Amino acid sequence: PPISKHELSAFSRKPDHKHYRECKDQMLRNFLKGVQLKYCAIQ
């Protein structure tokens, strides 16, 4: 399922913020793959 804007912003918060979320390896991998598919002409 797609990630919401709120979930995405939670990864960039300070660790002591109440809505902070740690970005796991698989989430980062999937995010970067999506960016690559959307913005890179050469795949």
PDB file of N, CA and C in Angstrom:
ATOM      1  N   PRO A   1       0.827  -1.207   0.000  1.00  0.00           N
ATOM      2  CA  PRO A   1       0.000   0.000   0.000  1.00  0.00           C
ATOM      3  C   PRO A   1       0.861   1.255   0.000  1.00  0.00           C
ATOM      4  N   PRO A   2       0.393   2.309  -0.600  1.00  0.00           N
ATOM      5  CA  PRO A   2       1.165   3.553  -0.630  1.00  0.00           C
ATOM      6  C   PRO A   2       1.333   4.137   0.769  1.00  0.00           C
ATOM      7  N   ILE A   3       2.375   4.904   0.912  1.00  0.00           N
ATOM      8  CA  ILE A   3       2.656   5.550   2.200  1.00  0.00           C
ATOM      9  C   ILE A   3       2.015   6.944   2.193  1.00  0.00           C
ATOM     10  N   SER A   4       1.440   7.322   3.301  1.00  0.00           N
ATOM     11  CA  SER A   4       0.780   8.632   3.381  1.00  0.00           C
ATOM     12  C   SER A   4       1.809   9.739   3.631  1.00  0.00           C
ATOM     13  N   LYS A   5       1.392  10.968   3.396  1.00  0.00           N
ATOM     14  CA  LYS A   5       2.268  12.114   3.658  1.00  0.00           C
ATOM     15  C   LYS A   5       2.628  12.191   5.136  1.00  0.00           C
ATOM     16  N   HIS A   6       1.677  11.830   5.999  1.00  0.00           N
ATOM     17  CA  HIS A   6       1.926  11.874   7.441  1.00  0.00           C
ATOM     18  C   HIS A   6       2.971  10.837   7.848  1.00  0.00           C
ATOM     19  N   GLU A   7       2.891   9.644   7.272  1.00  0.00           N
ATOM     20  CA  GLU A   7       3.885   8.610   7.573  1.00  0.00           C
ATOM     21  C   GLU A   7       5.256   9.040   7.081  1.00  0.00           C
ATOM     22  N   LEU A   8       5.308   9.603   5.884  1.00  0.00           N
ATOM     23  CA  LEU A   8       6.576  10.040   5.316  1.00  0.00           C
ATOM     24  C   LEU A   8       7.214  11.134   6.167  1.00  0.00           C
ATOM     25  N   SER A   9       6.426  12.088   6.638  1.00  0.00           N
ATOM     26  CA  SER A   9       6.981  13.170   7.458  1.00  0.00           C
ATOM     27  C   SER A   9       7.438  12.662   8.823  1.00  0.00           C
ATOM     28  N   ALA A  10       6.861  11.569   9.299  1.00  0.00           N
ATOM     29  CA  ALA A  10       7.253  11.014  10.597  1.00  0.00           C
ATOM     30  C   ALA A  10       8.706  10.547  10.591  1.00  0.00           C
ATOM     31  N   PHE A  11       9.213  10.173   9.425  1.00  0.00           N
ATOM     32  CA  PHE A  11      10.601   9.706   9.328  1.00  0.00           C
ATOM     33  C   PHE A  11      11.602  10.846   9.462  1.00  0.00           C
ATOM     34  N   SER A  12      11.180  12.072   9.191  1.00  0.00           N
ATOM     35  CA  SER A  12      12.110  13.200   9.246  1.00  0.00           C
ATOM     36  C   SER A  12      12.011  13.991  10.547  1.00  0.00           C
ATOM     37  N   ARG A  13      11.243  13.506  11.491  1.00  0.00           N
ATOM     38  CA  ARG A  13      11.108  14.193  12.783  1.00  0.00           C
ATOM     39  C   ARG A  13      12.271  13.848  13.710  1.00  0.00           C
ATOM     40  N   LYS A  14      12.442  14.656  14.735  1.00  0.00           N
ATOM     41  CA  LYS A  14      13.461  14.371  15.750  1.00  0.00           C
ATOM     42  C   LYS A  14      13.043  13.133  16.538  1.00  0.00           C
ATOM     43  N   PRO A  15      14.004  12.316  16.952  1.00  0.00           N
ATOM     44  CA  PRO A  15      13.675  11.078  17.678  1.00  0.00           C
ATOM     45  C   PRO A  15      12.852  11.281  18.948  1.00  0.00           C
ATOM     46  N   ASP A  16      12.950  12.437  19.576  1.00  0.00           N
ATOM     47  CA  ASP A  16      12.174  12.645  20.804  1.00  0.00           C
ATOM     48  C   ASP A  16      10.762  13.195  20.538  1.00  0.00           C
ATOM     49  N   HIS A  17      10.431  13.422  19.271  1.00  0.00           N
ATOM     50  CA  HIS A  17       9.082  13.886  18.915  1.00  0.00           C
ATOM     51  C   HIS A  17       8.083  12.744  19.089  1.00  0.00           C
ATOM     52  N   LYS A  18       6.877  13.060  19.506  1.00  0.00           N
ATOM     53  CA  LYS A  18       5.904  12.008  19.822  1.00  0.00           C
ATOM     54  C   LYS A  18       5.445  11.224  18.588  1.00  0.00           C
ATOM     55  N   HIS A  19       5.548  11.815  17.399  1.00  0.00           N
ATOM     56  CA  HIS A  19       5.131  11.117  16.179  1.00  0.00           C
ATOM     57  C   HIS A  19       6.313  10.635  15.338  1.00  0.00           C
ATOM     58  N   TYR A  20       7.509  10.614  15.935  1.00  0.00           N
ATOM     59  CA  TYR A  20       8.700  10.120  15.237  1.00  0.00           C
ATOM     60  C   TYR A  20       8.544   8.641  14.909  1.00  0.00           C
ATOM     61  N   ARG A  21       9.031   8.247  13.744  1.00  0.00           N
ATOM     62  CA  ARG A  21       9.073   6.840  13.363  1.00  0.00           C
ATOM     63  C   ARG A  21      10.423   6.540  12.756  1.00  0.00           C
ATOM     64  N   GLU A  22      11.017   5.439  13.149  1.00  0.00           N
ATOM     65  CA  GLU A  22      12.285   5.012  12.575  1.00  0.00           C
ATOM     66  C   GLU A  22      12.026   4.475  11.176  1.00  0.00           C
ATOM     67  N   CYS A  23      12.898   4.839  10.242  1.00  0.00           N
ATOM     68  CA  CYS A  23      12.763   4.366   8.862  1.00  0.00           C
ATOM     69  C   CYS A  23      13.523   3.053   8.722  1.00  0.00           C
ATOM     70  N   LYS A  24      12.795   1.984   8.535  1.00  0.00           N
ATOM     71  CA  LYS A  24      13.398   0.656   8.396  1.00  0.00           C
ATOM     72  C   LYS A  24      14.006   0.510   7.001  1.00  0.00           C
ATOM     73  N   ASP A  25      14.933  -0.443   6.866  1.00  0.00           N
ATOM     74  CA  ASP A  25      15.636  -0.652   5.600  1.00  0.00           C
ATOM     75  C   ASP A  25      14.692  -0.903   4.428  1.00  0.00           C
ATOM     76  N   GLN A  26      13.699  -1.752   4.627  1.00  0.00           N
ATOM     77  CA  GLN A  26      12.791  -2.085   3.531  1.00  0.00           C
ATOM     78  C   GLN A  26      11.979  -0.867   3.088  1.00  0.00           C
ATOM     79  N   MET A  27      11.559  -0.057   4.031  1.00  0.00           N
ATOM     80  CA  MET A  27      10.797   1.151   3.701  1.00  0.00           C
ATOM     81  C   MET A  27      11.659   2.106   2.881  1.00  0.00           C
ATOM     82  N   LEU A  28      12.907   2.302   3.297  1.00  0.00           N
ATOM     83  CA  LEU A  28      13.816   3.185   2.568  1.00  0.00           C
ATOM     84  C   LEU A  28      14.097   2.637   1.177  1.00  0.00           C
ATOM     85  N   ARG A  29      14.321   1.342   1.076  1.00  0.00           N
ATOM     86  CA  ARG A  29      14.588   0.697  -0.212  1.00  0.00           C
ATOM     87  C   ARG A  29      13.401   0.898  -1.166  1.00  0.00           C
ATOM     88  N   ASN A  30      12.192   0.672  -0.669  1.00  0.00           N
ATOM     89  CA  ASN A  30      11.002   0.838  -1.508  1.00  0.00           C
ATOM     90  C   ASN A  30      10.789   2.298  -1.909  1.00  0.00           C
ATOM     91  N   PHE A  31      11.065   3.218  -0.992  1.00  0.00           N
ATOM     92  CA  PHE A  31      10.926   4.641  -1.293  1.00  0.00           C
ATOM     93  C   PHE A  31      11.908   5.058  -2.393  1.00  0.00           C
ATOM     94  N   LEU A  32      13.168   4.646  -2.247  1.00  0.00           N
ATOM     95  CA  LEU A  32      14.177   5.006  -3.247  1.00  0.00           C
ATOM     96  C   LEU A  32      13.881   4.368  -4.600  1.00  0.00           C
ATOM     97  N   LYS A  33      13.368   3.160  -4.593  1.00  0.00           N
ATOM     98  CA  LYS A  33      12.990   2.497  -5.839  1.00  0.00           C
ATOM     99  C   LYS A  33      11.865   3.273  -6.526  1.00  0.00           C
ATOM    100  N   GLY A  34      10.889   3.742  -5.749  1.00  0.00           N
ATOM    101  CA  GLY A  34       9.796   4.536  -6.302  1.00  0.00           C
ATOM    102  C   GLY A  34      10.274   5.854  -6.887  1.00  0.00           C
ATOM    103  N   VAL A  35      11.207   6.515  -6.201  1.00  0.00           N
ATOM    104  CA  VAL A  35      11.780   7.765  -6.710  1.00  0.00           C
ATOM    105  C   VAL A  35      12.509   7.495  -8.018  1.00  0.00           C
ATOM    106  N   GLN A  36      13.260   6.409  -8.057  1.00  0.00           N
ATOM    107  CA  GLN A  36      13.998   6.048  -9.269  1.00  0.00           C
ATOM    108  C   GLN A  36      13.034   5.789 -10.430  1.00  0.00           C
ATOM    109  N   LEU A  37      11.977   5.045 -10.182  1.00  0.00           N
ATOM    110  CA  LEU A  37      11.008   4.745 -11.238  1.00  0.00           C
ATOM    111  C   LEU A  37      10.310   6.005 -11.746  1.00  0.00           C
ATOM    112  N   LYS A  38      10.050   6.934 -10.849  1.00  0.00           N
ATOM    113  CA  LYS A  38       9.329   8.155 -11.238  1.00  0.00           C
ATOM    114  C   LYS A  38      10.214   9.176 -11.939  1.00  0.00           C
ATOM    115  N   TYR A  39      11.462   9.334 -11.490  1.00  0.00           N
ATOM    116  CA  TYR A  39      12.277  10.448 -11.959  1.00  0.00           C
ATOM    117  C   TYR A  39      13.471  10.092 -12.838  1.00  0.00           C
ATOM    118  N   CYS A  40      13.854   8.845 -12.914  1.00  0.00           N
ATOM    119  CA  CYS A  40      15.023   8.474 -13.719  1.00  0.00           C
ATOM    120  C   CYS A  40      14.581   7.982 -15.093  1.00  0.00           C
ATOM    121  N   ALA A  41      15.135   8.572 -16.125  1.00  0.00           N
ATOM    122  CA  ALA A  41      14.788   8.175 -17.489  1.00  0.00           C
ATOM    123  C   ALA A  41      15.431   6.840 -17.845  1.00  0.00           C
ATOM    124  N   ILE A  42      16.646   6.630 -17.367  1.00  0.00           N
ATOM    125  CA  ILE A  42      17.373   5.391 -17.656  1.00  0.00           C
ATOM    126  C   ILE A  42      17.187   4.444 -16.486  1.00  0.00           C
ATOM    127  N   GLN A  43      16.688   3.234 -16.778  1.00  0.00           N
ATOM    128  CA  GLN A  43      16.436   2.279 -15.696  1.00  0.00           C
ATOM    129  C   GLN A  43      17.190   1.002 -15.938  1.00  0.00           C
TER     130      GLN A  43
END
